[in-house]
Amino acid sequence: MNLSLKNSDTFGVLAGGLCLVHCMATPLVFVLLNCPTENCLGVADYWNKLDYLFLFVSFLAVSRSSLNTSRRFMKPALWCSWLLLFSLLLIEKNNWYLIPEIMIYVSAMLLALLHVYNLKYCKCETDKCCHKNG
């Protein structure tokens, strides 16, 4: 498995993994800081903005990886998993609907696993195999 930092799948795996750690650590951080809702607004605001950073990095990774994959199913799989994660975070941030946290964890893991699969099995050996070139 190629772990070059020049690879968009590597960034996708890192973003997905860090996003998952961030999501799982959120309750722990606020419990450890003993933060009632009013006392830690600065920390909460900073911590919540990390979601958007992870989404942005994963968007860039998905867009680049979907251009360079050698498997046809990977492009829609990557985009669908990113859209699922984006949608779930949008719903959660705007309190439109109460969703179980496990759904966000699973969508972040799915996106990271798709990048791992793409990194390991879907690399082009020549320029002609990638879908961006036909």
C-alpha atoms as a PDB file:
ATOM      1  CA  MET A   1       0.000   0.000   0.000  1.00  0.00           C
ATOM      2  CA  ASN A   2       1.451   3.354  -1.099  1.00  0.00           C
ATOM      3  CA  LEU A   3       1.376   5.907   1.740  1.00  0.00           C
ATOM      4  CA  SER A   4       2.790   8.919  -0.080  1.00  0.00           C
ATOM      5  CA  LEU A   5       1.480  12.229   1.257  1.00  0.00           C
ATOM      6  CA  LYS A   6       1.162  13.384  -2.352  1.00  0.00           C
ATOM      7  CA  ASN A   7      -1.713  10.940  -2.748  1.00  0.00           C
ATOM      8  CA  SER A   8      -5.277  12.215  -2.327  1.00  0.00           C
ATOM      9  CA  ASP A   9      -6.349   8.883  -0.864  1.00  0.00           C
ATOM     10  CA  THR A  10      -3.781   9.259   1.896  1.00  0.00           C
ATOM     11  CA  PHE A  11      -5.272  12.644   2.757  1.00  0.00           C
ATOM     12  CA  GLY A  12      -8.747  11.105   2.569  1.00  0.00           C
ATOM     13  CA  VAL A  13      -7.792   8.368   5.019  1.00  0.00           C
ATOM     14  CA  LEU A  14      -6.190  10.901   7.365  1.00  0.00           C
ATOM     15  CA  ALA A  15      -9.171  13.272   7.156  1.00  0.00           C
ATOM     16  CA  GLY A  16     -11.673  10.450   7.696  1.00  0.00           C
ATOM     17  CA  GLY A  17      -9.687   9.002  10.575  1.00  0.00           C
ATOM     18  CA  LEU A  18      -9.184  12.359  12.260  1.00  0.00           C
ATOM     19  CA  CYS A  19     -12.850  13.198  11.721  1.00  0.00           C
ATOM     20  CA  LEU A  20     -13.822   9.947  13.410  1.00  0.00           C
ATOM     21  CA  VAL A  21     -11.491  10.605  16.353  1.00  0.00           C
ATOM     22  CA  HIS A  22     -12.839  14.160  16.574  1.00  0.00           C
ATOM     23  CA  CYS A  23     -16.446  12.931  16.622  1.00  0.00           C
ATOM     24  CA  MET A  24     -15.750  10.292  19.251  1.00  0.00           C
ATOM     25  CA  ALA A  25     -13.683  12.641  21.415  1.00  0.00           C
ATOM     26  CA  THR A  26     -16.224  15.480  21.457  1.00  0.00           C
ATOM     27  CA  PRO A  27     -18.287  14.224  24.400  1.00  0.00           C
ATOM     28  CA  LEU A  28     -15.136  13.312  26.314  1.00  0.00           C
ATOM     29  CA  VAL A  29     -13.576  16.751  25.787  1.00  0.00           C
ATOM     30  CA  PHE A  30     -16.602  18.562  27.145  1.00  0.00           C
ATOM     31  CA  VAL A  31     -16.954  16.212  30.104  1.00  0.00           C
ATOM     32  CA  LEU A  32     -13.264  16.556  30.978  1.00  0.00           C
ATOM     33  CA  LEU A  33     -13.443  20.338  30.681  1.00  0.00           C
ATOM     34  CA  ASN A  34     -16.569  20.286  32.832  1.00  0.00           C
ATOM     35  CA  CYS A  35     -18.290  22.606  30.393  1.00  0.00           C
ATOM     36  CA  PRO A  36     -21.833  23.658  30.977  1.00  0.00           C
ATOM     37  CA  THR A  37     -23.267  25.163  27.808  1.00  0.00           C
ATOM     38  CA  GLU A  38     -22.502  28.821  28.614  1.00  0.00           C
ATOM     39  CA  ASN A  39     -18.992  28.506  30.106  1.00  0.00           C
ATOM     40  CA  CYS A  40     -17.160  26.925  27.168  1.00  0.00           C
ATOM     41  CA  LEU A  41     -18.694  28.610  24.148  1.00  0.00           C
ATOM     42  CA  GLY A  42     -15.259  29.530  22.761  1.00  0.00           C
ATOM     43  CA  VAL A  43     -14.018  25.962  23.003  1.00  0.00           C
ATOM     44  CA  ALA A  44     -17.271  24.602  21.593  1.00  0.00           C
ATOM     45  CA  ASP A  45     -17.182  27.028  18.673  1.00  0.00           C
ATOM     46  CA  TYR A  46     -13.567  26.168  17.834  1.00  0.00           C
ATOM     47  CA  TRP A  47     -14.195  22.438  18.250  1.00  0.00           C
ATOM     48  CA  ASN A  48     -17.305  22.527  16.033  1.00  0.00           C
ATOM     49  CA  LYS A  49     -15.477  24.391  13.270  1.00  0.00           C
ATOM     50  CA  LEU A  50     -13.151  21.414  12.937  1.00  0.00           C
ATOM     51  CA  ASP A  51     -16.076  19.531  11.349  1.00  0.00           C
ATOM     52  CA  TYR A  52     -16.007  21.952   8.440  1.00  0.00           C
ATOM     53  CA  LEU A  53     -12.241  21.643   8.087  1.00  0.00           C
ATOM     54  CA  PHE A  54     -12.512  17.856   7.867  1.00  0.00           C
ATOM     55  CA  LEU A  55     -15.344  18.155   5.339  1.00  0.00           C
ATOM     56  CA  PHE A  56     -13.304  20.538   3.193  1.00  0.00           C
ATOM     57  CA  VAL A  57     -10.199  18.324   3.232  1.00  0.00           C
ATOM     58  CA  SER A  58     -12.266  15.225   2.514  1.00  0.00           C
ATOM     59  CA  PHE A  59     -14.043  17.051  -0.338  1.00  0.00           C
ATOM     60  CA  LEU A  60     -10.677  17.822  -1.930  1.00  0.00           C
ATOM     61  CA  ALA A  61      -9.512  14.231  -1.403  1.00  0.00           C
ATOM     62  CA  VAL A  62     -12.701  12.755  -2.877  1.00  0.00           C
ATOM     63  CA  SER A  63     -12.655  15.061  -5.895  1.00  0.00           C
ATOM     64  CA  ARG A  64      -9.011  14.199  -6.657  1.00  0.00           C
ATOM     65  CA  SER A  65      -9.367  10.485  -5.909  1.00  0.00           C
ATOM     66  CA  SER A  66     -12.479  10.166  -8.056  1.00  0.00           C
ATOM     67  CA  LEU A  67     -10.482  11.517 -11.017  1.00  0.00           C
ATOM     68  CA  ASN A  68      -7.598   9.103 -10.506  1.00  0.00           C
ATOM     69  CA  THR A  69      -9.286   5.816  -9.678  1.00  0.00           C
ATOM     70  CA  SER A  70      -9.089   2.856 -12.011  1.00  0.00           C
ATOM     71  CA  ARG A  71     -12.421   1.376 -10.857  1.00  0.00           C
ATOM     72  CA  ARG A  72     -15.723   2.692 -12.171  1.00  0.00           C
ATOM     73  CA  PHE A  73     -17.657   2.051  -8.953  1.00  0.00           C
ATOM     74  CA  MET A  74     -15.241   4.081  -6.811  1.00  0.00           C
ATOM     75  CA  LYS A  75     -16.216   7.494  -8.144  1.00  0.00           C
ATOM     76  CA  PRO A  76     -19.914   7.248  -7.176  1.00  0.00           C
ATOM     77  CA  ALA A  77     -19.030   5.353  -3.976  1.00  0.00           C
ATOM     78  CA  LEU A  78     -16.655   8.104  -2.836  1.00  0.00           C
ATOM     79  CA  TRP A  79     -19.088  10.892  -3.707  1.00  0.00           C
ATOM     80  CA  CYS A  80     -22.091   9.146  -2.131  1.00  0.00           C
ATOM     81  CA  SER A  81     -20.203   8.505   1.099  1.00  0.00           C
ATOM     82  CA  TRP A  82     -18.995  12.130   1.209  1.00  0.00           C
ATOM     83  CA  LEU A  83     -22.525  13.404   0.550  1.00  0.00           C
ATOM     84  CA  LEU A  84     -23.849  11.157   3.291  1.00  0.00           C
ATOM     85  CA  LEU A  85     -21.319  12.519   5.784  1.00  0.00           C
ATOM     86  CA  PHE A  86     -21.996  16.103   4.651  1.00  0.00           C
ATOM     87  CA  SER A  87     -25.762  15.605   4.942  1.00  0.00           C
ATOM     88  CA  LEU A  88     -25.570  14.037   8.379  1.00  0.00           C
ATOM     89  CA  LEU A  89     -23.362  16.846   9.682  1.00  0.00           C
ATOM     90  CA  LEU A  90     -25.619  19.479   8.142  1.00  0.00           C
ATOM     91  CA  ILE A  91     -28.672  17.899   9.770  1.00  0.00           C
ATOM     92  CA  GLU A  92     -26.889  17.649  13.117  1.00  0.00           C
ATOM     93  CA  LYS A  93     -25.474  21.202  13.066  1.00  0.00           C
ATOM     94  CA  ASN A  94     -28.848  22.745  12.228  1.00  0.00           C
ATOM     95  CA  ASN A  95     -30.829  20.492  14.597  1.00  0.00           C
ATOM     96  CA  TRP A  96     -33.266  19.602  11.839  1.00  0.00           C
ATOM     97  CA  TYR A  97     -33.631  16.062  13.040  1.00  0.00           C
ATOM     98  CA  LEU A  98     -32.184  14.046  15.904  1.00  0.00           C
ATOM     99  CA  ILE A  99     -29.860  11.448  14.416  1.00  0.00           C
ATOM    100  CA  PRO A 100     -27.868   8.812  16.283  1.00  0.00           C
ATOM    101  CA  GLU A 101     -24.155   9.657  16.500  1.00  0.00           C
ATOM    102  CA  ILE A 102     -23.318   6.180  15.244  1.00  0.00           C
ATOM    103  CA  MET A 103     -24.547   7.220  11.795  1.00  0.00           C
ATOM    104  CA  ILE A 104     -21.887   9.934  11.590  1.00  0.00           C
ATOM    105  CA  TYR A 105     -19.230   7.514  12.851  1.00  0.00           C
ATOM    106  CA  VAL A 106     -20.204   4.929  10.242  1.00  0.00           C
ATOM    107  CA  SER A 107     -20.243   7.461   7.404  1.00  0.00           C
ATOM    108  CA  ALA A 108     -16.781   8.783   8.377  1.00  0.00           C
ATOM    109  CA  MET A 109     -15.451   5.206   8.601  1.00  0.00           C
ATOM    110  CA  LEU A 110     -16.997   4.332   5.255  1.00  0.00           C
ATOM    111  CA  LEU A 111     -15.330   7.292   3.575  1.00  0.00           C
ATOM    112  CA  ALA A 112     -11.946   6.434   5.116  1.00  0.00           C
ATOM    113  CA  LEU A 113     -12.307   2.760   4.159  1.00  0.00           C
ATOM    114  CA  LEU A 114     -13.175   3.655   0.574  1.00  0.00           C
ATOM    115  CA  HIS A 115     -10.013   5.736   0.407  1.00  0.00           C
ATOM    116  CA  VAL A 116      -8.011   2.808   1.836  1.00  0.00           C
ATOM    117  CA  TYR A 117      -9.511   0.472  -0.776  1.00  0.00           C
ATOM    118  CA  ASN A 118      -8.835   2.974  -3.553  1.00  0.00           C
ATOM    119  CA  LEU A 119      -5.285   3.496  -2.312  1.00  0.00           C
ATOM    120  CA  LYS A 120      -4.578  -0.220  -2.261  1.00  0.00           C
ATOM    121  CA  TYR A 121      -6.452  -1.591  -5.287  1.00  0.00           C
ATOM    122  CA  CYS A 122      -7.439   1.165  -7.684  1.00  0.00           C
ATOM    123  CA  LYS A 123      -4.257   2.866  -8.810  1.00  0.00           C
ATOM    124  CA  CYS A 124      -3.570   3.466 -12.451  1.00  0.00           C
ATOM    125  CA  GLU A 125      -0.387   2.027 -13.897  1.00  0.00           C
ATOM    126  CA  THR A 126      -0.695   4.176 -17.018  1.00  0.00           C
ATOM    127  CA  ASP A 127      -2.520   7.387 -17.895  1.00  0.00           C
ATOM    128  CA  LYS A 128      -4.941   5.432 -20.086  1.00  0.00           C
ATOM    129  CA  CYS A 129      -6.539   3.428 -17.270  1.00  0.00           C
ATOM    130  CA  CYS A 130      -7.913   6.372 -15.298  1.00  0.00           C
ATOM    131  CA  HIS A 131     -11.456   7.492 -15.965  1.00  0.00           C
ATOM    132  CA  LYS A 132     -10.444  11.089 -16.445  1.00  0.00           C
ATOM    133  CA  ASN A 133      -8.779  10.045 -19.693  1.00  0.00           C
ATOM    134  CA  GLY A 134     -11.586   7.853 -20.895  1.00  0.00           C
END
